[in-house]
C-alpha atoms as a PDB file:
ATOM      1  CA  UNK A   1      -0.149  -0.027  -0.301  1.00  0.00           C
ATOM      2  CA  UNK A   2       1.235   3.456  -1.056  1.00  0.00           C
ATOM      3  CA  UNK A   3       0.465   6.626   0.411  1.00  0.00           C
ATOM      4  CA  UNK A   4       0.958  10.154   1.823  1.00  0.00           C
ATOM      5  CA  UNK A   5       0.924  12.556   4.920  1.00  0.00           C
ATOM      6  CA  UNK A   6      -2.790  14.405   3.425  1.00  0.00           C
ATOM      7  CA  UNK A   7      -0.346  17.790   4.268  1.00  0.00           C
ATOM      8  CA  UNK A   8       2.411  16.708   2.062  1.00  0.00           C
ATOM      9  CA  UNK A   9      -0.154  16.709  -1.337  1.00  0.00           C
ATOM     10  CA  UNK A  10       0.905  19.587  -4.113  1.00  0.00           C
ATOM     11  CA  UNK A  11      -1.910  21.394  -2.542  1.00  0.00           C
ATOM     12  CA  UNK A  12      -3.769  20.225   0.112  1.00  0.00           C
ATOM     13  CA  UNK A  13      -7.482  19.321  -0.317  1.00  0.00           C
ATOM     14  CA  UNK A  14     -10.818  19.785   1.486  1.00  0.00           C
ATOM     15  CA  UNK A  15     -13.408  17.264   1.109  1.00  0.00           C
ATOM     16  CA  UNK A  16     -13.943  13.585   0.865  1.00  0.00           C
ATOM     17  CA  UNK A  17     -14.407  13.887  -2.709  1.00  0.00           C
ATOM     18  CA  UNK A  18     -11.200  16.210  -3.719  1.00  0.00           C
ATOM     19  CA  UNK A  19      -9.328  14.013  -1.267  1.00  0.00           C
ATOM     20  CA  UNK A  20     -10.177  11.192  -3.861  1.00  0.00           C
ATOM     21  CA  UNK A  21      -9.308  12.979  -6.774  1.00  0.00           C
ATOM     22  CA  UNK A  22      -6.006  14.386  -5.021  1.00  0.00           C
ATOM     23  CA  UNK A  23      -5.401  10.574  -4.437  1.00  0.00           C
ATOM     24  CA  UNK A  24      -5.984   9.465  -7.436  1.00  0.00           C
ATOM     25  CA  UNK A  25      -3.754  11.946  -9.538  1.00  0.00           C
ATOM     26  CA  UNK A  26      -0.720  10.536  -7.373  1.00  0.00           C
ATOM     27  CA  UNK A  27      -1.960   7.185  -7.627  1.00  0.00           C
ATOM     28  CA  UNK A  28      -1.767   6.339  -3.462  1.00  0.00           C
ATOM     29  CA  UNK A  29      -3.900   4.494  -1.919  1.00  0.00           C
ATOM     30  CA  UNK A  30      -3.718   6.135   1.285  1.00  0.00           C
ATOM     31  CA  UNK A  31      -3.971   9.138   3.266  1.00  0.00           C
ATOM     32  CA  UNK A  32      -2.580   9.329   6.592  1.00  0.00           C
ATOM     33  CA  UNK A  33      -4.477  12.466   8.312  1.00  0.00           C
ATOM     34  CA  UNK A  34      -2.447  14.730  10.175  1.00  0.00           C
ATOM     35  CA  UNK A  35      -4.272  16.679  11.838  1.00  0.00           C
ATOM     36  CA  UNK A  36      -7.412  14.427  12.986  1.00  0.00           C
ATOM     37  CA  UNK A  37     -10.065  15.423  10.028  1.00  0.00           C
ATOM     38  CA  UNK A  38     -13.683  14.663  10.375  1.00  0.00           C
ATOM     39  CA  UNK A  39     -13.600  13.076  13.986  1.00  0.00           C
ATOM     40  CA  UNK A  40     -14.158  14.714  16.897  1.00  0.00           C
ATOM     41  CA  UNK A  41     -15.936  17.089  15.293  1.00  0.00           C
ATOM     42  CA  UNK A  42     -19.454  15.989  16.029  1.00  0.00           C
ATOM     43  CA  UNK A  43     -20.211  14.622  12.704  1.00  0.00           C
ATOM     44  CA  UNK A  44     -23.099  13.204  12.591  1.00  0.00           C
ATOM     45  CA  UNK A  45     -22.336   8.734  12.441  1.00  0.00           C
ATOM     46  CA  UNK A  46     -24.422   8.915   9.068  1.00  0.00           C
ATOM     47  CA  UNK A  47     -22.327  11.454   7.496  1.00  0.00           C
ATOM     48  CA  UNK A  48     -19.394   9.004   8.922  1.00  0.00           C
ATOM     49  CA  UNK A  49     -19.899   5.934   7.496  1.00  0.00           C
ATOM     50  CA  UNK A  50     -21.051   8.360   3.887  1.00  0.00           C
ATOM     51  CA  UNK A  51     -18.000   9.288   3.960  1.00  0.00           C
ATOM     52  CA  UNK A  52     -16.068   5.805   4.800  1.00  0.00           C
ATOM     53  CA  UNK A  53     -18.343   4.577   1.692  1.00  0.00           C
ATOM     54  CA  UNK A  54     -17.006   6.928  -0.444  1.00  0.00           C
ATOM     55  CA  UNK A  55     -14.032   6.768   0.077  1.00  0.00           C
ATOM     56  CA  UNK A  56     -13.742   2.842  -0.156  1.00  0.00           C
ATOM     57  CA  UNK A  57     -15.669   2.821  -2.599  1.00  0.00           C
ATOM     58  CA  UNK A  58     -13.218   4.773  -4.877  1.00  0.00           C
ATOM     59  CA  UNK A  59     -10.093   2.036  -2.796  1.00  0.00           C
ATOM     60  CA  UNK A  60      -9.139   4.692  -0.752  1.00  0.00           C
ATOM     61  CA  UNK A  61      -8.092   4.590   2.810  1.00  0.00           C
ATOM     62  CA  UNK A  62      -7.263   6.535   5.095  1.00  0.00           C
ATOM     63  CA  UNK A  63      -5.403   7.007   8.795  1.00  0.00           C
ATOM     64  CA  UNK A  64      -5.775   9.293  11.322  1.00  0.00           C
ATOM     65  CA  UNK A  65      -2.972  10.550  13.418  1.00  0.00           C
ATOM     66  CA  UNK A  66      -4.555  11.153  16.958  1.00  0.00           C
ATOM     67  CA  UNK A  67      -1.392  13.486  18.206  1.00  0.00           C
ATOM     68  CA  UNK A  68       0.488  13.026  22.021  1.00  0.00           C
ATOM     69  CA  UNK A  69      -1.053  10.621  24.118  1.00  0.00           C
ATOM     70  CA  UNK A  70       1.176  11.864  27.282  1.00  0.00           C
ATOM     71  CA  UNK A  71      -0.746  12.640  30.368  1.00  0.00           C
ATOM     72  CA  UNK A  72       1.978  13.557  32.718  1.00  0.00           C
ATOM     73  CA  UNK A  73       3.250  16.521  30.567  1.00  0.00           C
ATOM     74  CA  UNK A  74      -0.105  16.933  29.390  1.00  0.00           C
ATOM     75  CA  UNK A  75      -3.274  16.202  30.660  1.00  0.00           C
ATOM     76  CA  UNK A  76      -6.900  16.486  29.113  1.00  0.00           C
ATOM     77  CA  UNK A  77      -8.483  19.751  30.122  1.00  0.00           C
ATOM     78  CA  UNK A  78     -11.254  17.185  31.254  1.00  0.00           C
ATOM     79  CA  UNK A  79     -10.829  17.040  34.391  1.00  0.00           C
ATOM     80  CA  UNK A  80     -13.151  13.429  34.744  1.00  0.00           C
ATOM     81  CA  UNK A  81     -11.140  12.343  31.542  1.00  0.00           C
ATOM     82  CA  UNK A  82      -7.617  13.204  32.589  1.00  0.00           C
ATOM     83  CA  UNK A  83      -5.917  11.235  30.475  1.00  0.00           C
ATOM     84  CA  UNK A  84      -7.139  11.609  27.610  1.00  0.00           C
ATOM     85  CA  UNK A  85      -8.766   7.524  27.207  1.00  0.00           C
ATOM     86  CA  UNK A  86     -12.454   8.280  27.001  1.00  0.00           C
ATOM     87  CA  UNK A  87     -12.027  11.081  24.974  1.00  0.00           C
ATOM     88  CA  UNK A  88      -9.347   9.053  22.548  1.00  0.00           C
ATOM     89  CA  UNK A  89     -12.070   5.847  22.484  1.00  0.00           C
ATOM     90  CA  UNK A  90     -14.725   8.287  21.307  1.00  0.00           C
ATOM     91  CA  UNK A  91     -12.630   9.506  18.539  1.00  0.00           C
ATOM     92  CA  UNK A  92     -11.781   5.155  17.879  1.00  0.00           C
ATOM     93  CA  UNK A  93     -15.593   4.616  17.759  1.00  0.00           C
ATOM     94  CA  UNK A  94     -16.256   6.996  15.210  1.00  0.00           C
ATOM     95  CA  UNK A  95     -13.122   6.616  13.063  1.00  0.00           C
ATOM     96  CA  UNK A  96     -14.357   2.984  12.832  1.00  0.00           C
ATOM     97  CA  UNK A  97     -17.177   4.440  11.003  1.00  0.00           C
ATOM     98  CA  UNK A  98     -14.652   6.003   8.107  1.00  0.00           C
ATOM     99  CA  UNK A  99     -12.931   2.713   7.660  1.00  0.00           C
ATOM    100  CA  UNK A 100     -10.311   3.825   9.340  1.00  0.00           C
ATOM    101  CA  UNK A 101      -7.209   0.330  10.197  1.00  0.00           C
ATOM    102  CA  UNK A 102      -4.891   2.842  12.410  1.00  0.00           C
ATOM    103  CA  UNK A 103      -4.419   5.865  14.304  1.00  0.00           C
ATOM    104  CA  UNK A 104      -0.720   7.146  14.828  1.00  0.00           C
ATOM    105  CA  UNK A 105       0.140   8.597  18.581  1.00  0.00           C
ATOM    106  CA  UNK A 106       3.392   9.715  19.491  1.00  0.00           C
ATOM    107  CA  UNK A 107       4.725  10.516  23.085  1.00  0.00           C
ATOM    108  CA  UNK A 108       6.037  13.733  23.085  1.00  0.00           C
ATOM    109  CA  UNK A 109       8.576  15.796  22.112  1.00  0.00           C
ATOM    110  CA  UNK A 110      12.850  17.145  22.567  1.00  0.00           C
ATOM    111  CA  UNK A 111      11.446  20.178  24.625  1.00  0.00           C
ATOM    112  CA  UNK A 112       9.163  17.563  26.979  1.00  0.00           C
ATOM    113  CA  UNK A 113      11.807  15.068  27.030  1.00  0.00           C
ATOM    114  CA  UNK A 114      14.324  17.776  28.165  1.00  0.00           C
ATOM    115  CA  UNK A 115      12.327  19.339  30.426  1.00  0.00           C
ATOM    116  CA  UNK A 116      13.186  18.688  34.493  1.00  0.00           C
ATOM    117  CA  UNK A 117       9.948  19.612  35.507  1.00  0.00           C
ATOM    118  CA  UNK A 118       8.431  16.805  34.879  1.00  0.00           C
ATOM    119  CA  UNK A 119      10.619  12.914  34.583  1.00  0.00           C
ATOM    120  CA  UNK A 120      10.732  11.387  31.187  1.00  0.00           C
ATOM    121  CA  UNK A 121      10.314   8.266  33.228  1.00  0.00           C
ATOM    122  CA  UNK A 122       7.176   9.767  34.188  1.00  0.00           C
ATOM    123  CA  UNK A 123       6.025  10.430  31.237  1.00  0.00           C
ATOM    124  CA  UNK A 124       6.819   7.124  29.618  1.00  0.00           C
ATOM    125  CA  UNK A 125       4.817   5.162  32.233  1.00  0.00           C
ATOM    126  CA  UNK A 126       2.078   7.382  32.111  1.00  0.00           C
ATOM    127  CA  UNK A 127       1.596   7.555  28.259  1.00  0.00           C
ATOM    128  CA  UNK A 128       1.834   3.266  28.244  1.00  0.00           C
ATOM    129  CA  UNK A 129      -1.066   2.716  30.596  1.00  0.00           C
ATOM    130  CA  UNK A 130      -2.776   5.336  28.558  1.00  0.00           C
ATOM    131  CA  UNK A 131      -1.965   2.936  25.534  1.00  0.00           C
ATOM    132  CA  UNK A 132      -2.675   0.359  27.474  1.00  0.00           C
ATOM    133  CA  UNK A 133      -6.494   1.478  28.132  1.00  0.00           C
ATOM    134  CA  UNK A 134      -7.163   1.305  24.657  1.00  0.00           C
ATOM    135  CA  UNK A 135      -7.070  -2.269  24.104  1.00  0.00           C
ATOM    136  CA  UNK A 136     -10.052  -3.634  24.724  1.00  0.00           C
ATOM    137  CA  UNK A 137     -11.990  -1.177  22.435  1.00  0.00           C
ATOM    138  CA  UNK A 138      -9.255  -0.639  19.441  1.00  0.00           C
ATOM    139  CA  UNK A 139      -9.271  -5.010  19.356  1.00  0.00           C
ATOM    140  CA  UNK A 140     -13.235  -4.778  19.547  1.00  0.00           C
ATOM    141  CA  UNK A 141     -12.706  -2.941  16.316  1.00  0.00           C
ATOM    142  CA  UNK A 142      -9.755  -3.899  14.611  1.00  0.00           C
ATOM    143  CA  UNK A 143      -8.127  -0.601  14.609  1.00  0.00           C
ATOM    144  CA  UNK A 144      -4.700  -0.968  15.285  1.00  0.00           C
ATOM    145  CA  UNK A 145      -2.648   2.491  17.918  1.00  0.00           C
ATOM    146  CA  UNK A 146       0.545   2.937  16.160  1.00  0.00           C
ATOM    147  CA  UNK A 147       3.015   4.408  18.019  1.00  0.00           C
ATOM    148  CA  UNK A 148       5.389   6.701  15.909  1.00  0.00           C
ATOM    149  CA  UNK A 149       9.696   6.770  16.354  1.00  0.00           C
ATOM    150  CA  UNK A 150       9.388  10.587  17.193  1.00  0.00           C
ATOM    151  CA  UNK A 151      12.606  13.030  17.267  1.00  0.00           C
ATOM    152  CA  UNK A 152      12.065  12.467  21.399  1.00  0.00           C
ATOM    153  CA  UNK A 153      12.114   8.862  21.331  1.00  0.00           C
ATOM    154  CA  UNK A 154      14.817   6.074  21.058  1.00  0.00           C
ATOM    155  CA  UNK A 155      13.773   2.693  19.434  1.00  0.00           C
ATOM    156  CA  UNK A 156      14.731   0.356  22.369  1.00  0.00           C
ATOM    157  CA  UNK A 157      11.633   3.112  24.415  1.00  0.00           C
ATOM    158  CA  UNK A 158       9.214   2.755  21.737  1.00  0.00           C
ATOM    159  CA  UNK A 159       9.317  -1.534  22.034  1.00  0.00           C
ATOM    160  CA  UNK A 160       9.765  -1.138  25.415  1.00  0.00           C
ATOM    161  CA  UNK A 161       5.847   0.623  25.391  1.00  0.00           C
ATOM    162  CA  UNK A 162       4.399  -1.159  22.653  1.00  0.00           C
ATOM    163  CA  UNK A 163       5.171  -4.313  24.335  1.00  0.00           C
ATOM    164  CA  UNK A 164       3.996  -3.382  27.990  1.00  0.00           C
ATOM    165  CA  UNK A 165       0.972  -1.880  26.365  1.00  0.00           C
ATOM    166  CA  UNK A 166      -0.427  -4.768  24.450  1.00  0.00           C
ATOM    167  CA  UNK A 167      -0.503  -6.524  20.790  1.00  0.00           C
ATOM    168  CA  UNK A 168      -2.950  -3.709  19.786  1.00  0.00           C
ATOM    169  CA  UNK A 169      -0.035  -1.227  20.126  1.00  0.00           C
ATOM    170  CA  UNK A 170       2.102  -1.435  16.798  1.00  0.00           C
ATOM    171  CA  UNK A 171       5.250   1.126  16.275  1.00  0.00           C
ATOM    172  CA  UNK A 172       5.387   3.985  12.957  1.00  0.00           C
ATOM    173  CA  UNK A 173       9.352   3.347  11.690  1.00  0.00           C
ATOM    174  CA  UNK A 174      10.547   6.865  10.755  1.00  0.00           C
ATOM    175  CA  UNK A 175      13.931   6.570   9.974  1.00  0.00           C
ATOM    176  CA  UNK A 176      14.701  10.787  10.137  1.00  0.00           C
ATOM    177  CA  UNK A 177      13.375  10.508  13.512  1.00  0.00           C
ATOM    178  CA  UNK A 178      15.926   7.575  14.459  1.00  0.00           C
ATOM    179  CA  UNK A 179      18.627   9.982  13.197  1.00  0.00           C
ATOM    180  CA  UNK A 180      17.597  13.283  15.504  1.00  0.00           C
ATOM    181  CA  UNK A 181      18.245  10.799  18.393  1.00  0.00           C
ATOM    182  CA  UNK A 182      21.648   9.265  16.145  1.00  0.00           C
ATOM    183  CA  UNK A 183      20.217   5.752  15.874  1.00  0.00           C
ATOM    184  CA  UNK A 184      21.443   3.275  12.676  1.00  0.00           C
ATOM    185  CA  UNK A 185      17.625   3.012  11.122  1.00  0.00           C
ATOM    186  CA  UNK A 186      19.212   0.169   9.865  1.00  0.00           C
ATOM    187  CA  UNK A 187      19.844  -1.424  12.918  1.00  0.00           C
ATOM    188  CA  UNK A 188      17.015   0.443  14.681  1.00  0.00           C
ATOM    189  CA  UNK A 189      15.053  -1.461  11.356  1.00  0.00           C
ATOM    190  CA  UNK A 190      15.569  -4.742  12.579  1.00  0.00           C
ATOM    191  CA  UNK A 191      15.173  -4.157  16.192  1.00  0.00           C
ATOM    192  CA  UNK A 192      11.984  -3.322  15.712  1.00  0.00           C
ATOM    193  CA  UNK A 193      10.658  -5.097  12.804  1.00  0.00           C
ATOM    194  CA  UNK A 194       8.236  -7.550  14.934  1.00  0.00           C
ATOM    195  CA  UNK A 195       6.123  -4.597  15.912  1.00  0.00           C
ATOM    196  CA  UNK A 196       6.287  -2.313  12.663  1.00  0.00           C
ATOM    197  CA  UNK A 197       2.676  -1.815  11.199  1.00  0.00           C
ATOM    198  CA  UNK A 198       3.426   1.136   8.933  1.00  0.00           C
ATOM    199  CA  UNK A 199       6.366   2.609   7.559  1.00  0.00           C
ATOM    200  CA  UNK A 200       7.296   6.876   7.075  1.00  0.00           C
ATOM    201  CA  UNK A 201       9.041   7.340   4.158  1.00  0.00           C
ATOM    202  CA  UNK A 202      12.217  10.730   3.970  1.00  0.00           C
ATOM    203  CA  UNK A 203      15.148  11.110   3.903  1.00  0.00           C
ATOM    204  CA  UNK A 204      18.121  13.290   5.333  1.00  0.00           C
ATOM    205  CA  UNK A 205      21.837  14.078   6.051  1.00  0.00           C
ATOM    206  CA  UNK A 206      22.835  14.994   9.083  1.00  0.00           C
ATOM    207  CA  UNK A 207      25.927  17.896   9.808  1.00  0.00           C
ATOM    208  CA  UNK A 208      28.043  18.667  11.916  1.00  0.00           C
ATOM    209  CA  UNK A 209      27.074  21.957  14.079  1.00  0.00           C
ATOM    210  CA  UNK A 210      29.020  24.095  17.620  1.00  0.00           C
ATOM    211  CA  UNK A 211      26.068  22.222  19.364  1.00  0.00           C
ATOM    212  CA  UNK A 212      26.542  18.309  17.578  1.00  0.00           C
ATOM    213  CA  UNK A 213      24.975  17.809  14.548  1.00  0.00           C
ATOM    214  CA  UNK A 214      21.766  18.773  12.844  1.00  0.00           C
ATOM    215  CA  UNK A 215      19.394  16.775  10.466  1.00  0.00           C
ATOM    216  CA  UNK A 216      19.018  18.405   6.838  1.00  0.00           C
ATOM    217  CA  UNK A 217      15.676  17.219   4.970  1.00  0.00           C
ATOM    218  CA  UNK A 218      16.919  15.683   1.403  1.00  0.00           C
ATOM    219  CA  UNK A 219      14.687  13.394  -1.602  1.00  0.00           C
ATOM    220  CA  UNK A 220      14.036  10.044  -1.395  1.00  0.00           C
ATOM    221  CA  UNK A 221      17.498   8.522  -2.220  1.00  0.00           C
ATOM    222  CA  UNK A 222      19.734  11.702  -1.523  1.00  0.00           C
ATOM    223  CA  UNK A 223      19.943  11.228   2.024  1.00  0.00           C
ATOM    224  CA  UNK A 224      21.741   8.445   4.398  1.00  0.00           C
ATOM    225  CA  UNK A 225      18.833   6.389   4.617  1.00  0.00           C
ATOM    226  CA  UNK A 226      19.583   3.167   3.398  1.00  0.00           C
ATOM    227  CA  UNK A 227      16.278   2.340   2.224  1.00  0.00           C
ATOM    228  CA  UNK A 228      16.500  -0.847   0.252  1.00  0.00           C
ATOM    229  CA  UNK A 229      18.689  -2.309   3.351  1.00  0.00           C
ATOM    230  CA  UNK A 230      15.988  -0.897   5.657  1.00  0.00           C
ATOM    231  CA  UNK A 231      12.695  -2.656   3.744  1.00  0.00           C
ATOM    232  CA  UNK A 232      14.497  -5.690   2.604  1.00  0.00           C
ATOM    233  CA  UNK A 233      14.369  -6.676   6.830  1.00  0.00           C
ATOM    234  CA  UNK A 234      10.816  -4.736   8.370  1.00  0.00           C
ATOM    235  CA  UNK A 235       7.386  -6.154   7.150  1.00  0.00           C
ATOM    236  CA  UNK A 236       6.405  -6.864   3.807  1.00  0.00           C
ATOM    237  CA  UNK A 237       2.802  -5.711   4.629  1.00  0.00           C
ATOM    238  CA  UNK A 238       3.633  -2.505   6.325  1.00  0.00           C
ATOM    239  CA  UNK A 239       2.258   0.378   3.921  1.00  0.00           C
ATOM    240  CA  UNK A 240       4.582   2.669   3.315  1.00  0.00           C
ATOM    241  CA  UNK A 241       3.491   6.383   4.394  1.00  0.00           C
ATOM    242  CA  UNK A 242       5.317   9.541   2.175  1.00  0.00           C
ATOM    243  CA  UNK A 243       6.094  12.313   5.240  1.00  0.00           C
ATOM    244  CA  UNK A 244       7.734  15.363   4.423  1.00  0.00           C
ATOM    245  CA  UNK A 245       8.989  16.452   7.738  1.00  0.00           C
ATOM    246  CA  UNK A 246       9.561  20.033   7.924  1.00  0.00           C
ATOM    247  CA  UNK A 247      12.028  20.349  11.388  1.00  0.00           C
ATOM    248  CA  UNK A 248      16.193  20.678  10.777  1.00  0.00           C
ATOM    249  CA  UNK A 249      16.283  19.754  13.901  1.00  0.00           C
ATOM    250  CA  UNK A 250      19.610  19.868  15.864  1.00  0.00           C
ATOM    251  CA  UNK A 251      20.987  17.236  17.696  1.00  0.00           C
ATOM    252  CA  UNK A 252      23.288  18.741  20.457  1.00  0.00           C
ATOM    253  CA  UNK A 253      25.358  15.767  21.653  1.00  0.00           C
ATOM    254  CA  UNK A 254      27.963  18.139  23.611  1.00  0.00           C
ATOM    255  CA  UNK A 255      25.563  19.245  25.567  1.00  0.00           C
ATOM    256  CA  UNK A 256      26.512  17.939  29.308  1.00  0.00           C
ATOM    257  CA  UNK A 257      24.226  15.506  30.056  1.00  0.00           C
ATOM    258  CA  UNK A 258      22.337  14.974  26.943  1.00  0.00           C
ATOM    259  CA  UNK A 259      24.020  10.941  25.966  1.00  0.00           C
ATOM    260  CA  UNK A 260      23.777  10.584  30.137  1.00  0.00           C
ATOM    261  CA  UNK A 261      20.059  10.972  29.648  1.00  0.00           C
ATOM    262  CA  UNK A 262      19.837   8.591  26.663  1.00  0.00           C
ATOM    263  CA  UNK A 263      21.366   5.524  27.803  1.00  0.00           C
ATOM    264  CA  UNK A 264      19.740   3.296  25.069  1.00  0.00           C
ATOM    265  CA  UNK A 265      22.380   5.257  22.666  1.00  0.00           C
ATOM    266  CA  UNK A 266      25.443   3.199  21.022  1.00  0.00           C
ATOM    267  CA  UNK A 267      28.686   4.563  20.684  1.00  0.00           C
ATOM    268  CA  UNK A 268      28.642   2.319  17.571  1.00  0.00           C
ATOM    269  CA  UNK A 269      25.856   3.994  15.987  1.00  0.00           C
ATOM    270  CA  UNK A 270      26.476   7.855  16.878  1.00  0.00           C
ATOM    271  CA  UNK A 271      30.157   6.495  15.045  1.00  0.00           C
ATOM    272  CA  UNK A 272      28.004   5.353  11.648  1.00  0.00           C
ATOM    273  CA  UNK A 273      25.859   8.917  11.706  1.00  0.00           C
ATOM    274  CA  UNK A 274      29.486  10.897  11.697  1.00  0.00           C
ATOM    275  CA  UNK A 275      31.350   9.345   9.137  1.00  0.00           C
ATOM    276  CA  UNK A 276      28.365   9.448   6.778  1.00  0.00           C
ATOM    277  CA  UNK A 277      27.660  13.685   7.875  1.00  0.00           C
ATOM    278  CA  UNK A 278      28.815  16.339   6.446  1.00  0.00           C
ATOM    279  CA  UNK A 279      30.079  19.887   6.956  1.00  0.00           C
ATOM    280  CA  UNK A 280      27.170  21.577   5.746  1.00  0.00           C
ATOM    281  CA  UNK A 281      24.638  19.946   3.169  1.00  0.00           C
ATOM    282  CA  UNK A 282      22.144  22.134   3.313  1.00  0.00           C
ATOM    283  CA  UNK A 283      18.156  20.513   2.876  1.00  0.00           C
ATOM    284  CA  UNK A 284      16.450  20.316   0.081  1.00  0.00           C
ATOM    285  CA  UNK A 285      13.062  22.754  -0.999  1.00  0.00           C
ATOM    286  CA  UNK A 286      10.102  20.780  -0.444  1.00  0.00           C
ATOM    287  CA  UNK A 287       8.254  21.142  -4.091  1.00  0.00           C
ATOM    288  CA  UNK A 288      11.610  18.791  -4.943  1.00  0.00           C
ATOM    289  CA  UNK A 289      11.419  16.783  -2.219  1.00  0.00           C
ATOM    290  CA  UNK A 290       7.938  15.668  -3.003  1.00  0.00           C
ATOM    291  CA  UNK A 291       8.653  15.066  -6.952  1.00  0.00           C
ATOM    292  CA  UNK A 292      11.316  13.248  -6.260  1.00  0.00           C
ATOM    293  CA  UNK A 293       9.837  11.315  -3.238  1.00  0.00           C
ATOM    294  CA  UNK A 294       6.179  10.296  -5.183  1.00  0.00           C
ATOM    295  CA  UNK A 295       8.386   9.338  -8.884  1.00  0.00           C
ATOM    296  CA  UNK A 296      10.466   6.723  -6.460  1.00  0.00           C
ATOM    297  CA  UNK A 297       7.367   5.380  -4.118  1.00  0.00           C
ATOM    298  CA  UNK A 298       6.086   2.694  -7.167  1.00  0.00           C
ATOM    299  CA  UNK A 299       9.864   1.117  -6.571  1.00  0.00           C
ATOM    300  CA  UNK A 300       9.940   1.070  -3.254  1.00  0.00           C
ATOM    301  CA  UNK A 301       6.622  -0.400  -2.725  1.00  0.00           C
ATOM    302  CA  UNK A 302       7.769  -3.017  -4.894  1.00  0.00           C
ATOM    303  CA  UNK A 303       9.983  -4.155  -1.542  1.00  0.00           C
ATOM    304  CA  UNK A 304       7.285  -4.015   1.005  1.00  0.00           C
ATOM    305  CA  UNK A 305       4.111  -5.258  -1.819  1.00  0.00           C
ATOM    306  CA  UNK A 306       1.094  -3.519   0.704  1.00  0.00           C
ATOM    307  CA  UNK A 307      -1.913  -5.263   2.880  1.00  0.00           C
ATOM    308  CA  UNK A 308      -5.081  -5.235   3.045  1.00  0.00           C
ATOM    309  CA  UNK A 309      -7.334  -2.519   4.469  1.00  0.00           C
ATOM    310  CA  UNK A 310     -10.084  -2.527   6.837  1.00  0.00           C
ATOM    311  CA  UNK A 311     -12.625  -1.741   4.699  1.00  0.00           C
ATOM    312  CA  UNK A 312     -11.998  -4.315   2.839  1.00  0.00           C
ATOM    313  CA  UNK A 313     -11.960  -6.503   5.453  1.00  0.00           C
ATOM    314  CA  UNK A 314     -15.313  -5.753   7.135  1.00  0.00           C
ATOM    315  CA  UNK A 315     -16.274  -5.720   3.416  1.00  0.00           C
ATOM    316  CA  UNK A 316     -15.481  -9.843   2.981  1.00  0.00           C
ATOM    317  CA  UNK A 317     -17.312 -10.462   6.613  1.00  0.00           C
END
């Protein structure tokens, strides 16, 4: 299955009909909706079913990003639902009406991880409990809850959260985010493969800075991610989602305590990334990255041929 994040279309589509036309124009069968659309906005169930039916008839599935699950750092405003579980369960049920087969989440941000006001271990523990609480509903609805490898999160940490939270929690593999925590994407792919649900495609170079390194965003195939090697070890059925990141993240490994606060970082992986880093490679313009990535999607998808969507599975039941 080939897909794209909705913000990465040349022109971001609005209504469902526009989304269907835009997906057909770039030859993708999945759109990753971030931020969420339709759900959480008081649409009547019948309207959500109608949108889902239109998408299914066009052969298009959507996945939905629900944002951060981190009640220790960002508690819900509703005092009766501080961990946000009831709100997320409502979103899951609305997503099911659209035919959504997976929802996607993250834990935090580099800022939340390094904020001494709330210990990172407490943030991870609260996120794990909140994700575990979604298990019965996610299993009932056959919706995977996919935790993305985000720029604050080591792959071993993401894997530990998924393992503890339950089988309904899978992982979204993002190589350029793993670079931001100085992990070798191929090594991380081997580590995570058994729990990976979705693969987010992008590429980046790493450059040296006064603080350590920084991520510079590049077209697919022009960064340091060895995508053929990565896809060879990840599940062949994992959907490939074209995901153009924007942030040129600083990786302040020279800052006192930064490495110590990341105990899963290894010298071997840091040295591999340092060996591939350059003094001054710039980021590439978004339009060029989009053109290159969309052209390469069919070739990459031939390595990971895709899966049947929940919409199709439900139709067969």
